[in-house]
Amino acid sequence: MRRRGEVSNEEWAVLEPLLRFRQRPDGRGRPPQDTRAVLNGVLWILRTGAQWRELPKKYPAYQTCHRRFQQWVRSGQLNKTLRALARELHGHGLLPPHETKLVEETLAGSFLDELPARLIGDRAYDSDPLDRRLKRDYGIELIAPNRENRSQTQDGRKLRRYKRRWCVERLFAWLQWFRRLVTRYEYHIENFLGMVHLGCMRIMLRYL
């Protein structure tokens, strides 16, 4: 029986090819633990924020789960899995558009191969230089209402899209459901980023 927070059969069908354990070329080494069980153990840590040694006995040993998690992080497998999942959802029209904060840095770290045609922001993003840079460097149109001290330059029809501006704030709220992300317990930034990738993957899987 699937427990709360664990991956469903449908979700695992998508994740299994992306997280499949890769045996050593010489075939040596211990037989691998079930990858799905290991992933569920890591997700328990992500959701509860508990220490690794507190992982319940129903999962593989905490040392095994921690070691596999670090292997995923160091090999870039979590990052690759997140990008592949984003591409699949985007290809099926299941990944909604979102606004950005720290616009250009966010674009540089995008999970998608293809950048959006438009970005939506609040009045803080009303900037002619930013508009020009995004159009020139990325071919992106920035839609934001004008500040009160500026003349109205935005097309009212395009501003109807402004109602979607809450998507990023919603993402931040969702990420805080994972207690491991509310406080940074990871000493190494790479491990914390790996937990962020896992959190984003869990959120994206809801769109399947």
Protein backbone atom coordinates (compact mmCIF):
# COMPACT_ATOMS: atom_id res chain seq x y z
CA MET A 1 0.00 0.00 0.00
CA ARG A 2 1.37 3.41 -0.97
CA ARG A 3 1.89 5.66 2.03
CA ARG A 4 1.47 9.41 2.20
CA GLY A 5 4.11 11.29 0.23
CA GLU A 6 5.31 8.24 -1.70
CA VAL A 7 5.32 8.04 -5.49
CA SER A 8 2.34 6.41 -7.17
CA ASN A 9 2.56 3.74 -9.87
CA GLU A 10 1.79 6.37 -12.51
CA GLU A 11 4.50 8.70 -11.18
CA TRP A 12 7.05 5.88 -10.95
CA ALA A 13 6.39 4.88 -14.55
CA VAL A 14 7.67 8.36 -15.50
CA LEU A 15 10.54 8.53 -13.01
CA GLU A 16 11.92 5.00 -13.27
CA PRO A 17 13.70 5.41 -16.63
CA LEU A 18 15.19 8.69 -15.40
CA LEU A 19 16.44 7.42 -12.03
CA ARG A 20 17.29 3.84 -12.99
CA PHE A 21 20.28 2.47 -11.08
CA ARG A 22 23.37 2.10 -13.25
CA GLN A 23 25.38 -1.01 -12.43
CA ARG A 24 29.17 -0.87 -12.61
CA PRO A 25 30.50 -1.95 -16.03
CA ASP A 26 32.37 -4.87 -14.42
CA GLY A 27 29.21 -6.06 -12.65
CA ARG A 28 30.88 -5.93 -9.25
CA GLY A 29 29.46 -4.42 -6.10
CA ARG A 30 26.46 -5.14 -3.90
CA PRO A 31 23.07 -5.73 -5.51
CA PRO A 32 21.30 -2.36 -5.58
CA GLN A 33 18.43 -1.57 -3.27
CA ASP A 34 15.06 -1.02 -4.93
CA THR A 35 15.29 2.48 -6.40
CA ARG A 36 11.64 3.29 -5.78
CA ALA A 37 11.98 2.38 -2.08
CA VAL A 38 15.14 4.48 -1.82
CA LEU A 39 13.42 7.44 -3.49
CA ASN A 40 10.46 7.15 -1.11
CA GLY A 41 12.91 7.21 1.80
CA VAL A 42 14.58 10.36 0.49
CA LEU A 43 11.15 11.95 -0.07
CA TRP A 44 10.27 11.18 3.57
CA ILE A 45 13.35 13.16 4.63
CA LEU A 46 12.36 15.99 2.28
CA ARG A 47 8.78 16.11 3.59
CA THR A 48 9.50 15.81 7.32
CA GLY A 49 12.82 17.61 7.60
CA ALA A 50 14.04 14.90 9.97
CA GLN A 51 17.63 13.75 10.35
CA TRP A 52 18.71 10.91 8.10
CA ARG A 53 19.20 8.53 11.04
CA GLU A 54 15.52 8.98 11.93
CA LEU A 55 14.36 7.39 8.65
CA PRO A 56 11.70 4.76 9.53
CA LYS A 57 12.62 1.08 9.23
CA LYS A 58 10.03 0.55 6.48
CA TYR A 59 12.49 2.22 4.10
CA PRO A 60 15.98 1.01 3.15
CA ALA A 61 18.74 1.86 5.62
CA TYR A 62 19.28 5.58 5.98
CA GLN A 63 22.91 5.18 4.93
CA THR A 64 21.73 3.63 1.66
CA CYS A 65 19.19 6.38 1.00
CA HIS A 66 21.68 9.12 1.85
CA ARG A 67 24.39 7.57 -0.30
CA ARG A 68 22.07 7.18 -3.31
CA PHE A 69 20.80 10.75 -2.87
CA GLN A 70 24.36 12.05 -2.94
CA GLN A 71 25.10 9.95 -6.02
CA TRP A 72 22.09 11.53 -7.75
CA VAL A 73 23.29 15.00 -6.76
CA ARG A 74 26.92 14.53 -7.76
CA SER A 75 26.08 12.93 -11.10
CA GLY A 76 23.57 15.68 -11.92
CA GLN A 77 20.84 13.05 -12.26
CA LEU A 78 18.27 14.96 -10.23
CA ASN A 79 18.82 18.07 -12.34
CA LYS A 80 18.53 16.02 -15.54
CA THR A 81 15.39 14.29 -14.26
CA LEU A 82 13.76 17.61 -13.39
CA ARG A 83 14.55 19.04 -16.82
CA ALA A 84 13.25 15.93 -18.58
CA LEU A 85 10.05 16.02 -16.54
CA ALA A 86 9.58 19.72 -17.30
CA ARG A 87 10.06 19.08 -21.03
CA GLU A 88 7.50 16.28 -21.00
CA LEU A 89 4.88 18.31 -19.16
CA HIS A 90 5.57 21.35 -21.34
CA GLY A 91 5.25 19.23 -24.48
CA HIS A 92 1.80 18.11 -23.37
CA GLY A 93 0.76 21.64 -22.45
CA LEU A 94 0.57 20.73 -18.75
CA LEU A 95 3.16 23.16 -17.37
CA PRO A 96 1.54 26.59 -16.76
CA PRO A 97 3.43 29.85 -17.51
CA HIS A 98 5.05 31.67 -14.62
CA GLU A 99 6.57 35.06 -13.73
CA THR A 100 10.16 35.49 -12.61
CA LYS A 101 12.09 37.10 -9.86
CA LEU A 102 15.69 38.08 -10.48
CA VAL A 103 14.60 37.82 -14.06
CA GLU A 104 17.76 37.18 -16.02
CA GLU A 105 19.29 34.85 -13.42
CA THR A 106 16.09 32.83 -13.41
CA LEU A 107 16.07 32.59 -17.17
CA ALA A 108 19.65 31.34 -17.11
CA GLY A 109 18.62 28.53 -14.75
CA SER A 110 15.45 27.58 -16.61
CA PHE A 111 14.49 23.89 -16.61
CA LEU A 112 13.12 24.16 -20.13
CA ASP A 113 14.97 24.03 -23.41
CA GLU A 114 12.65 26.69 -24.83
CA LEU A 115 12.10 29.98 -23.01
CA PRO A 116 8.60 31.49 -22.72
CA ALA A 117 7.44 34.14 -25.17
CA ARG A 118 6.12 36.34 -22.34
CA LEU A 119 6.84 37.01 -18.68
CA ILE A 120 4.31 38.57 -16.33
CA GLY A 121 5.31 40.73 -13.37
CA ASP A 122 3.84 43.26 -10.98
CA ARG A 123 4.58 46.99 -10.94
CA ALA A 124 8.08 46.35 -9.60
CA TYR A 125 8.98 44.99 -13.04
CA ASP A 126 7.84 48.11 -14.89
CA SER A 127 11.17 49.10 -16.40
CA ASP A 128 11.95 50.22 -19.95
CA PRO A 129 15.61 49.04 -19.74
CA LEU A 130 14.49 45.61 -18.53
CA ASP A 131 11.89 45.45 -21.29
CA ARG A 132 14.55 46.20 -23.88
CA ARG A 133 17.08 43.69 -22.49
CA LEU A 134 14.57 40.85 -22.36
CA LYS A 135 13.38 41.60 -25.89
CA ARG A 136 16.91 41.97 -27.27
CA ASP A 137 18.66 39.09 -25.46
CA TYR A 138 15.86 36.55 -25.12
CA GLY A 139 13.06 37.59 -27.46
CA ILE A 140 10.75 37.77 -24.44
CA GLU A 141 7.94 40.29 -23.93
CA LEU A 142 7.56 41.49 -20.34
CA ILE A 143 4.00 42.34 -19.31
CA ALA A 144 3.62 44.48 -16.18
CA PRO A 145 1.28 47.31 -15.18
CA ASN A 146 2.82 50.76 -15.18
CA ARG A 147 3.86 52.37 -11.93
CA GLU A 148 1.68 55.23 -10.70
CA ASN A 149 4.31 57.86 -11.52
CA ARG A 150 4.63 56.74 -15.16
CA SER A 151 2.48 57.26 -18.19
CA GLN A 152 0.48 54.27 -19.37
CA THR A 153 2.47 52.41 -22.01
CA GLN A 154 1.19 48.85 -21.61
CA ASP A 155 -1.47 47.49 -23.92
CA GLY A 156 -4.63 46.93 -21.85
CA ARG A 157 -5.47 43.74 -23.73
CA LYS A 158 -2.13 42.18 -22.85
CA LEU A 159 -2.53 43.17 -19.21
CA ARG A 160 -5.41 40.70 -18.96
CA ARG A 161 -2.70 38.08 -18.57
CA TYR A 162 -1.65 39.85 -15.36
CA LYS A 163 -4.04 37.68 -13.33
CA ARG A 164 -1.52 34.85 -13.71
CA ARG A 165 1.18 36.71 -11.81
CA TRP A 166 0.67 34.69 -8.61
CA CYS A 167 2.16 31.47 -10.04
CA VAL A 168 5.67 31.98 -8.62
CA GLU A 169 4.39 33.01 -5.19
CA ARG A 170 2.33 29.82 -5.23
CA LEU A 171 5.43 27.78 -6.10
CA PHE A 172 7.32 29.24 -3.12
CA ALA A 173 4.37 28.37 -0.87
CA TRP A 174 4.27 24.82 -2.21
CA LEU A 175 8.01 24.36 -1.64
CA GLN A 176 7.53 25.27 2.00
CA TRP A 177 5.38 22.15 2.41
CA PHE A 178 8.70 20.29 2.39
CA ARG A 179 10.22 20.93 5.80
CA ARG A 180 13.70 20.08 4.59
CA LEU A 181 13.52 23.26 2.48
CA VAL A 182 12.07 25.60 5.11
CA THR A 183 15.40 25.49 6.98
CA ARG A 184 18.64 24.67 5.22
CA TYR A 185 19.94 21.63 7.11
CA GLU A 186 22.30 20.57 4.33
CA TYR A 187 25.92 21.60 4.91
CA HIS A 188 26.76 21.39 1.21
CA ILE A 189 24.86 23.71 -1.11
CA GLU A 190 24.75 20.97 -3.78
CA ASN A 191 22.74 18.74 -1.44
CA PHE A 192 20.30 21.54 -0.61
CA LEU A 193 19.85 22.25 -4.31
CA GLY A 194 19.20 18.52 -4.81
CA MET A 195 16.39 18.73 -2.25
CA VAL A 196 14.97 21.74 -4.10
CA HIS A 197 15.04 19.71 -7.33
CA LEU A 198 13.17 16.89 -5.60
CA GLY A 199 10.59 19.33 -4.27
CA CYS A 200 10.03 20.78 -7.74
CA MET A 201 9.71 17.26 -9.16
CA ARG A 202 7.00 16.37 -6.62
CA ILE A 203 5.09 19.53 -7.53
CA MET A 204 5.39 18.88 -11.28
CA LEU A 205 4.19 15.29 -10.92
CA ARG A 206 0.79 16.60 -9.80
CA TYR A 207 0.16 17.70 -13.38
CA LEU A 208 0.36 14.14 -14.76
